[in-house]
Amino acid sequence: MRGENPMSKDQLMGCLIFAVCISLAITYTLILFLPAFKPFRFWIVAIPVFIGFTAILAIGAWIGWTMATTPPPKPLNEKEDGKEG
């Protein structure tokens, strides 16, 4: 019975994200190929490419910053009392 096992919050959010993404993909495709938007075709492609490229560079910068500001780990062969042997 469907009523006994409702969708969890994560599943509901997943369905919402799926629906939004499919709707945006269909809308973007229609706008890209409709003759009425032909004068804006360059910008219809250029803006999402710019946003995606900038997002990738931001993620790379964040990874670099994290690596540069994280202290190095302690060596594994170091003993707690500081003596070797």
PDB file of N, CA and C in Angstrom:
ATOM      1  N   MET A   1       0.824  -1.185   0.000  1.00  0.00           N
ATOM      2  CA  MET A   1       0.000   0.000   0.000  1.00  0.00           C
ATOM      3  C   MET A   1       0.869   1.249   0.000  1.00  0.00           C
ATOM      4  N   ARG A   2       0.551   2.148  -0.842  1.00  0.00           N
ATOM      5  CA  ARG A   2       1.354   3.350  -1.006  1.00  0.00           C
ATOM      6  C   ARG A   2       1.232   4.307   0.180  1.00  0.00           C
ATOM      7  N   GLY A   3       0.116   4.355   0.845  1.00  0.00           N
ATOM      8  CA  GLY A   3      -0.105   5.291   1.931  1.00  0.00           C
ATOM      9  C   GLY A   3       0.729   5.000   3.171  1.00  0.00           C
ATOM     10  N   GLU A   4       1.169   3.764   3.347  1.00  0.00           N
ATOM     11  CA  GLU A   4       1.932   3.404   4.532  1.00  0.00           C
ATOM     12  C   GLU A   4       3.388   3.824   4.454  1.00  0.00           C
ATOM     13  N   ASN A   5       3.929   3.981   3.282  1.00  0.00           N
ATOM     14  CA  ASN A   5       5.350   4.286   3.111  1.00  0.00           C
ATOM     15  C   ASN A   5       5.517   5.592   2.333  1.00  0.00           C
ATOM     16  N   PRO A   6       5.303   6.744   2.989  1.00  0.00           N
ATOM     17  CA  PRO A   6       5.454   8.018   2.263  1.00  0.00           C
ATOM     18  C   PRO A   6       6.927   8.274   1.923  1.00  0.00           C
ATOM     19  N   MET A   7       7.132   9.135   0.953  1.00  0.00           N
ATOM     20  CA  MET A   7       8.493   9.464   0.547  1.00  0.00           C
ATOM     21  C   MET A   7       9.186  10.234   1.661  1.00  0.00           C
ATOM     22  N   SER A   8      10.478   9.954   1.801  1.00  0.00           N
ATOM     23  CA  SER A   8      11.256  10.688   2.791  1.00  0.00           C
ATOM     24  C   SER A   8      11.529  12.098   2.277  1.00  0.00           C
ATOM     25  N   LYS A   9      12.040  12.930   3.150  1.00  0.00           N
ATOM     26  CA  LYS A   9      12.351  14.314   2.772  1.00  0.00           C
ATOM     27  C   LYS A   9      13.408  14.349   1.663  1.00  0.00           C
ATOM     28  N   ASP A  10      14.401  13.447   1.742  1.00  0.00           N
ATOM     29  CA  ASP A  10      15.444  13.390   0.716  1.00  0.00           C
ATOM     30  C   ASP A  10      14.882  12.974  -0.637  1.00  0.00           C
ATOM     31  N   GLN A  11      13.971  12.008  -0.642  1.00  0.00           N
ATOM     32  CA  GLN A  11      13.365  11.574  -1.893  1.00  0.00           C
ATOM     33  C   GLN A  11      12.517  12.675  -2.505  1.00  0.00           C
ATOM     34  N   LEU A  12      11.787  13.393  -1.665  1.00  0.00           N
ATOM     35  CA  LEU A  12      10.976  14.503  -2.152  1.00  0.00           C
ATOM     36  C   LEU A  12      11.854  15.597  -2.756  1.00  0.00           C
ATOM     37  N   MET A  13      12.969  15.911  -2.090  1.00  0.00           N
ATOM     38  CA  MET A  13      13.905  16.909  -2.615  1.00  0.00           C
ATOM     39  C   MET A  13      14.512  16.423  -3.932  1.00  0.00           C
ATOM     40  N   GLY A  14      14.820  15.133  -4.010  1.00  0.00           N
ATOM     41  CA  GLY A  14      15.349  14.570  -5.254  1.00  0.00           C
ATOM     42  C   GLY A  14      14.366  14.689  -6.399  1.00  0.00           C
ATOM     43  N   CYS A  15      13.101  14.418  -6.129  1.00  0.00           N
ATOM     44  CA  CYS A  15      12.067  14.563  -7.163  1.00  0.00           C
ATOM     45  C   CYS A  15      11.930  16.011  -7.615  1.00  0.00           C
ATOM     46  N   LEU A  16      12.008  16.940  -6.675  1.00  0.00           N
ATOM     47  CA  LEU A  16      11.920  18.356  -7.008  1.00  0.00           C
ATOM     48  C   LEU A  16      13.104  18.793  -7.869  1.00  0.00           C
ATOM     49  N   ILE A  17      14.308  18.395  -7.497  1.00  0.00           N
ATOM     50  CA  ILE A  17      15.505  18.728  -8.279  1.00  0.00           C
ATOM     51  C   ILE A  17      15.401  18.128  -9.677  1.00  0.00           C
ATOM     52  N   PHE A  18      14.946  16.868  -9.767  1.00  0.00           N
ATOM     53  CA  PHE A  18      14.786  16.202 -11.062  1.00  0.00           C
ATOM     54  C   PHE A  18      13.814  16.968 -11.950  1.00  0.00           C
ATOM     55  N   ALA A  19      12.661  17.344 -11.392  1.00  0.00           N
ATOM     56  CA  ALA A  19      11.650  18.053 -12.169  1.00  0.00           C
ATOM     57  C   ALA A  19      12.147  19.415 -12.642  1.00  0.00           C
ATOM     58  N   VAL A  20      12.835  20.145 -11.764  1.00  0.00           N
ATOM     59  CA  VAL A  20      13.372  21.465 -12.142  1.00  0.00           C
ATOM     60  C   VAL A  20      14.410  21.315 -13.246  1.00  0.00           C
ATOM     61  N   CYS A  21      15.305  20.341 -13.113  1.00  0.00           N
ATOM     62  CA  CYS A  21      16.362  20.152 -14.126  1.00  0.00           C
ATOM     63  C   CYS A  21      15.785  19.766 -15.479  1.00  0.00           C
ATOM     64  N   ILE A  22      14.812  18.862 -15.490  1.00  0.00           N
ATOM     65  CA  ILE A  22      14.185  18.471 -16.756  1.00  0.00           C
ATOM     66  C   ILE A  22      13.455  19.661 -17.377  1.00  0.00           C
ATOM     67  N   SER A  23      12.747  20.427 -16.568  1.00  0.00           N
ATOM     68  CA  SER A  23      12.032  21.606 -17.077  1.00  0.00           C
ATOM     69  C   SER A  23      13.000  22.625 -17.661  1.00  0.00           C
ATOM     70  N   LEU A  24      14.110  22.876 -16.961  1.00  0.00           N
ATOM     71  CA  LEU A  24      15.100  23.830 -17.466  1.00  0.00           C
ATOM     72  C   LEU A  24      15.757  23.330 -18.752  1.00  0.00           C
ATOM     73  N   ALA A  25      16.032  22.033 -18.837  1.00  0.00           N
ATOM     74  CA  ALA A  25      16.637  21.482 -20.053  1.00  0.00           C
ATOM     75  C   ALA A  25      15.704  21.632 -21.249  1.00  0.00           C
ATOM     76  N   ILE A  26      14.428  21.351 -21.052  1.00  0.00           N
ATOM     77  CA  ILE A  26      13.456  21.496 -22.144  1.00  0.00           C
ATOM     78  C   ILE A  26      13.308  22.965 -22.536  1.00  0.00           C
ATOM     79  N   THR A  27      13.201  23.852 -21.554  1.00  0.00           N
ATOM     80  CA  THR A  27      13.063  25.285 -21.830  1.00  0.00           C
ATOM     81  C   THR A  27      14.284  25.820 -22.565  1.00  0.00           C
ATOM     82  N   TYR A  28      15.487  25.443 -22.094  1.00  0.00           N
ATOM     83  CA  TYR A  28      16.720  25.905 -22.735  1.00  0.00           C
ATOM     84  C   TYR A  28      16.801  25.433 -24.179  1.00  0.00           C
ATOM     85  N   THR A  29      16.439  24.167 -24.413  1.00  0.00           N
ATOM     86  CA  THR A  29      16.482  23.627 -25.773  1.00  0.00           C
ATOM     87  C   THR A  29      15.490  24.345 -26.682  1.00  0.00           C
ATOM     88  N   LEU A  30      14.289  24.590 -26.182  1.00  0.00           N
ATOM     89  CA  LEU A  30      13.297  25.296 -26.992  1.00  0.00           C
ATOM     90  C   LEU A  30      13.756  26.717 -27.321  1.00  0.00           C
ATOM     91  N   ILE A  31      14.256  27.426 -26.313  1.00  0.00           N
ATOM     92  CA  ILE A  31      14.713  28.800 -26.542  1.00  0.00           C
ATOM     93  C   ILE A  31      15.882  28.827 -27.522  1.00  0.00           C
ATOM     94  N   LEU A  32      16.766  27.837 -27.430  1.00  0.00           N
ATOM     95  CA  LEU A  32      17.941  27.804 -28.300  1.00  0.00           C
ATOM     96  C   LEU A  32      17.558  27.618 -29.766  1.00  0.00           C
ATOM     97  N   PHE A  33      16.517  26.833 -30.025  1.00  0.00           N
ATOM     98  CA  PHE A  33      16.195  26.502 -31.408  1.00  0.00           C
ATOM     99  C   PHE A  33      14.966  27.208 -31.977  1.00  0.00           C
ATOM    100  N   LEU A  34      14.256  27.986 -31.172  1.00  0.00           N
ATOM    101  CA  LEU A  34      13.119  28.720 -31.721  1.00  0.00           C
ATOM    102  C   LEU A  34      13.616  29.891 -32.570  1.00  0.00           C
ATOM    103  N   PRO A  35      13.024  30.093 -33.736  1.00  0.00           N
ATOM    104  CA  PRO A  35      13.476  31.176 -34.624  1.00  0.00           C
ATOM    105  C   PRO A  35      13.356  32.568 -34.001  1.00  0.00           C
ATOM    106  N   ALA A  36      12.415  32.768 -33.098  1.00  0.00           N
ATOM    107  CA  ALA A  36      12.224  34.090 -32.498  1.00  0.00           C
ATOM    108  C   ALA A  36      13.436  34.526 -31.668  1.00  0.00           C
ATOM    109  N   PHE A  37      14.205  33.575 -31.169  1.00  0.00           N
ATOM    110  CA  PHE A  37      15.358  33.897 -30.328  1.00  0.00           C
ATOM    111  C   PHE A  37      16.680  33.863 -31.092  1.00  0.00           C
ATOM    112  N   LYS A  38      16.624  33.777 -32.430  1.00  0.00           N
ATOM    113  CA  LYS A  38      17.846  33.676 -33.225  1.00  0.00           C
ATOM    114  C   LYS A  38      18.819  34.842 -32.997  1.00  0.00           C
ATOM    115  N   PRO A  39      18.369  36.087 -32.838  1.00  0.00           N
ATOM    116  CA  PRO A  39      19.325  37.171 -32.595  1.00  0.00           C
ATOM    117  C   PRO A  39      20.080  37.033 -31.266  1.00  0.00           C
ATOM    118  N   PHE A  40      19.513  36.294 -30.322  1.00  0.00           N
ATOM    119  CA  PHE A  40      20.130  36.143 -29.001  1.00  0.00           C
ATOM    120  C   PHE A  40      20.838  34.809 -28.824  1.00  0.00           C
ATOM    121  N   ARG A  41      20.955  34.033 -29.900  1.00  0.00           N
ATOM    122  CA  ARG A  41      21.504  32.676 -29.802  1.00  0.00           C
ATOM    123  C   ARG A  41      22.912  32.661 -29.215  1.00  0.00           C
ATOM    124  N   PHE A  42      23.755  33.634 -29.586  1.00  0.00           N
ATOM    125  CA  PHE A  42      25.116  33.686 -29.036  1.00  0.00           C
ATOM    126  C   PHE A  42      25.067  33.789 -27.516  1.00  0.00           C
ATOM    127  N   TRP A  43      24.238  34.703 -27.007  1.00  0.00           N
ATOM    128  CA  TRP A  43      24.158  34.908 -25.555  1.00  0.00           C
ATOM    129  C   TRP A  43      23.498  33.747 -24.839  1.00  0.00           C
ATOM    130  N   ILE A  44      22.566  33.075 -25.522  1.00  0.00           N
ATOM    131  CA  ILE A  44      21.908  31.905 -24.928  1.00  0.00           C
ATOM    132  C   ILE A  44      22.937  30.798 -24.671  1.00  0.00           C
ATOM    133  N   VAL A  45      23.943  30.705 -25.504  1.00  0.00           N
ATOM    134  CA  VAL A  45      25.011  29.718 -25.312  1.00  0.00           C
ATOM    135  C   VAL A  45      26.120  30.286 -24.436  1.00  0.00           C
ATOM    136  N   ALA A  46      26.497  31.536 -24.664  1.00  0.00           N
ATOM    137  CA  ALA A  46      27.660  32.114 -23.979  1.00  0.00           C
ATOM    138  C   ALA A  46      27.452  32.264 -22.469  1.00  0.00           C
ATOM    139  N   ILE A  47      26.284  32.652 -22.041  1.00  0.00           N
ATOM    140  CA  ILE A  47      26.060  32.886 -20.604  1.00  0.00           C
ATOM    141  C   ILE A  47      26.185  31.595 -19.788  1.00  0.00           C
ATOM    142  N   PRO A  48      25.526  30.473 -20.164  1.00  0.00           N
ATOM    143  CA  PRO A  48      25.724  29.248 -19.390  1.00  0.00           C
ATOM    144  C   PRO A  48      27.167  28.721 -19.445  1.00  0.00           C
ATOM    145  N   VAL A  49      27.834  28.884 -20.595  1.00  0.00           N
ATOM    146  CA  VAL A  49      29.236  28.453 -20.682  1.00  0.00           C
ATOM    147  C   VAL A  49      30.090  29.288 -19.743  1.00  0.00           C
ATOM    148  N   PHE A  50      29.870  30.587 -19.708  1.00  0.00           N
ATOM    149  CA  PHE A  50      30.616  31.462 -18.799  1.00  0.00           C
ATOM    150  C   PHE A  50      30.379  31.077 -17.340  1.00  0.00           C
ATOM    151  N   ILE A  51      29.126  30.839 -16.982  1.00  0.00           N
ATOM    152  CA  ILE A  51      28.798  30.460 -15.604  1.00  0.00           C
ATOM    153  C   ILE A  51      29.453  29.129 -15.237  1.00  0.00           C
ATOM    154  N   GLY A  52      29.382  28.145 -16.122  1.00  0.00           N
ATOM    155  CA  GLY A  52      30.003  26.846 -15.860  1.00  0.00           C
ATOM    156  C   GLY A  52      31.516  26.933 -15.743  1.00  0.00           C
ATOM    157  N   PHE A  53      32.152  27.667 -16.642  1.00  0.00           N
ATOM    158  CA  PHE A  53      33.606  27.827 -16.612  1.00  0.00           C
ATOM    159  C   PHE A  53      34.052  28.546 -15.346  1.00  0.00           C
ATOM    160  N   THR A  54      33.325  29.585 -14.974  1.00  0.00           N
ATOM    161  CA  THR A  54      33.645  30.322 -13.750  1.00  0.00           C
ATOM    162  C   THR A  54      33.457  29.440 -12.515  1.00  0.00           C
ATOM    163  N   ALA A  55      32.419  28.613 -12.501  1.00  0.00           N
ATOM    164  CA  ALA A  55      32.186  27.707 -11.375  1.00  0.00           C
ATOM    165  C   ALA A  55      33.318  26.690 -11.251  1.00  0.00           C
ATOM    166  N   ILE A  56      33.783  26.148 -12.366  1.00  0.00           N
ATOM    167  CA  ILE A  56      34.897  25.195 -12.333  1.00  0.00           C
ATOM    168  C   ILE A  56      36.162  25.873 -11.814  1.00  0.00           C
ATOM    169  N   LEU A  57      36.433  27.098 -12.265  1.00  0.00           N
ATOM    170  CA  LEU A  57      37.601  27.824 -11.772  1.00  0.00           C
ATOM    171  C   LEU A  57      37.477  28.140 -10.278  1.00  0.00           C
ATOM    172  N   ALA A  58      36.271  28.457  -9.820  1.00  0.00           N
ATOM    173  CA  ALA A  58      36.066  28.736  -8.392  1.00  0.00           C
ATOM    174  C   ALA A  58      36.318  27.477  -7.555  1.00  0.00           C
ATOM    175  N   ILE A  59      35.871  26.323  -8.033  1.00  0.00           N
ATOM    176  CA  ILE A  59      36.128  25.069  -7.321  1.00  0.00           C
ATOM    177  C   ILE A  59      37.627  24.784  -7.292  1.00  0.00           C
ATOM    178  N   GLY A  60      38.319  25.007  -8.404  1.00  0.00           N
ATOM    179  CA  GLY A  60      39.776  24.825  -8.437  1.00  0.00           C
ATOM    180  C   GLY A  60      40.487  25.765  -7.484  1.00  0.00           C
ATOM    181  N   ALA A  61      40.040  27.016  -7.431  1.00  0.00           N
ATOM    182  CA  ALA A  61      40.650  27.984  -6.508  1.00  0.00           C
ATOM    183  C   ALA A  61      40.410  27.569  -5.059  1.00  0.00           C
ATOM    184  N   TRP A  62      39.217  27.075  -4.768  1.00  0.00           N
ATOM    185  CA  TRP A  62      38.902  26.624  -3.412  1.00  0.00           C
ATOM    186  C   TRP A  62      39.772  25.432  -3.012  1.00  0.00           C
ATOM    187  N   ILE A  63      39.964  24.484  -3.931  1.00  0.00           N
ATOM    188  CA  ILE A  63      40.835  23.329  -3.657  1.00  0.00           C
ATOM    189  C   ILE A  63      42.264  23.802  -3.419  1.00  0.00           C
ATOM    190  N   GLY A  64      42.748  24.713  -4.253  1.00  0.00           N
ATOM    191  CA  GLY A  64      44.098  25.246  -4.080  1.00  0.00           C
ATOM    192  C   GLY A  64      44.261  25.969  -2.759  1.00  0.00           C
ATOM    193  N   TRP A  65      43.297  26.793  -2.393  1.00  0.00           N
ATOM    194  CA  TRP A  65      43.353  27.523  -1.120  1.00  0.00           C
ATOM    195  C   TRP A  65      43.359  26.549   0.058  1.00  0.00           C
ATOM    196  N   THR A  66      42.527  25.529  -0.017  1.00  0.00           N
ATOM    197  CA  THR A  66      42.466  24.531   1.051  1.00  0.00           C
ATOM    198  C   THR A  66      43.798  23.801   1.184  1.00  0.00           C
ATOM    199  N   MET A  67      44.389  23.429   0.064  1.00  0.00           N
ATOM    200  CA  MET A  67      45.678  22.732   0.101  1.00  0.00           C
ATOM    201  C   MET A  67      46.779  23.648   0.630  1.00  0.00           C
ATOM    202  N   ALA A  68      46.733  24.922   0.278  1.00  0.00           N
ATOM    203  CA  ALA A  68      47.782  25.860   0.679  1.00  0.00           C
ATOM    204  C   ALA A  68      47.692  26.225   2.162  1.00  0.00           C
ATOM    205  N   THR A  69      46.495  26.208   2.727  1.00  0.00           N
ATOM    206  CA  THR A  69      46.328  26.654   4.114  1.00  0.00           C
ATOM    207  C   THR A  69      46.193  25.510   5.120  1.00  0.00           C
ATOM    208  N   THR A  70      46.169  24.270   4.653  1.00  0.00           N
ATOM    209  CA  THR A  70      46.073  23.129   5.558  1.00  0.00           C
ATOM    210  C   THR A  70      47.479  22.727   5.999  1.00  0.00           C
ATOM    211  N   PRO A  71      47.696  22.588   7.315  1.00  0.00           N
ATOM    212  CA  PRO A  71      49.023  22.189   7.771  1.00  0.00           C
ATOM    213  C   PRO A  71      49.334  20.747   7.356  1.00  0.00           C
ATOM    214  N   PRO A  72      50.613  20.437   7.142  1.00  0.00           N
ATOM    215  CA  PRO A  72      50.961  19.074   6.727  1.00  0.00           C
ATOM    216  C   PRO A  72      50.699  18.091   7.865  1.00  0.00           C
ATOM    217  N   PRO A  73      50.388  16.836   7.540  1.00  0.00           N
ATOM    218  CA  PRO A  73      50.136  15.850   8.588  1.00  0.00           C
ATOM    219  C   PRO A  73      51.441  15.446   9.279  1.00  0.00           C
ATOM    220  N   LYS A  74      51.324  14.983  10.516  1.00  0.00           N
ATOM    221  CA  LYS A  74      52.494  14.501  11.237  1.00  0.00           C
ATOM    222  C   LYS A  74      52.947  13.184  10.617  1.00  0.00           C
ATOM    223  N   PRO A  75      54.253  12.921  10.595  1.00  0.00           N
ATOM    224  CA  PRO A  75      54.734  11.643  10.044  1.00  0.00           C
ATOM    225  C   PRO A  75      54.191  10.461  10.856  1.00  0.00           C
ATOM    226  N   LEU A  76      53.961   9.351  10.182  1.00  0.00           N
ATOM    227  CA  LEU A  76      53.407   8.177  10.835  1.00  0.00           C
ATOM    228  C   LEU A  76      54.420   7.458  11.719  1.00  0.00           C
ATOM    229  N   ASN A  77      55.715   7.571  11.418  1.00  0.00           N
ATOM    230  CA  ASN A  77      56.718   6.816  12.162  1.00  0.00           C
ATOM    231  C   ASN A  77      57.179   7.543  13.425  1.00  0.00           C
ATOM    232  N   GLU A  78      56.633   8.677  13.737  1.00  0.00           N
ATOM    233  CA  GLU A  78      57.015   9.428  14.927  1.00  0.00           C
ATOM    234  C   GLU A  78      56.384   8.795  16.165  1.00  0.00           C
ATOM    235  N   LYS A  79      57.190   8.554  17.194  1.00  0.00           N
ATOM    236  CA  LYS A  79      56.673   7.946  18.428  1.00  0.00           C
ATOM    237  C   LYS A  79      56.134   9.042  19.333  1.00  0.00           C
ATOM    238  N   GLU A  80      55.247   8.664  20.242  1.00  0.00           N
ATOM    239  CA  GLU A  80      54.629   9.642  21.127  1.00  0.00           C
ATOM    240  C   GLU A  80      55.617  10.278  22.083  1.00  0.00           C
ATOM    241  N   ASP A  81      56.594   9.504  22.587  1.00  0.00           N
ATOM    242  CA  ASP A  81      57.540  10.062  23.551  1.00  0.00           C
ATOM    243  C   ASP A  81      58.709  10.776  22.875  1.00  0.00           C
ATOM    244  N   GLY A  82      58.797  10.728  21.563  1.00  0.00           N
ATOM    245  CA  GLY A  82      59.845  11.451  20.853  1.00  0.00           C
ATOM    246  C   GLY A  82      61.142  10.678  20.720  1.00  0.00           C
ATOM    247  N   LYS A  83      61.261   9.494  21.282  1.00  0.00           N
ATOM    248  CA  LYS A  83      62.472   8.681  21.191  1.00  0.00           C
ATOM    249  C   LYS A  83      62.378   7.687  20.065  1.00  0.00           C
ATOM    250  N   GLU A  84      63.505   7.395  19.454  1.00  0.00           N
ATOM    251  CA  GLU A  84      63.534   6.371  18.413  1.00  0.00           C
ATOM    252  C   GLU A  84      64.175   5.118  18.995  1.00  0.00           C
ATOM    253  N   GLY A  85      63.832   3.987  18.466  1.00  0.00           N
ATOM    254  CA  GLY A  85      64.523   2.779  18.892  1.00  0.00           C
ATOM    255  C   GLY A  85      63.660   1.706  19.199  1.00  0.00           C
TER     256      GLY A  85
END
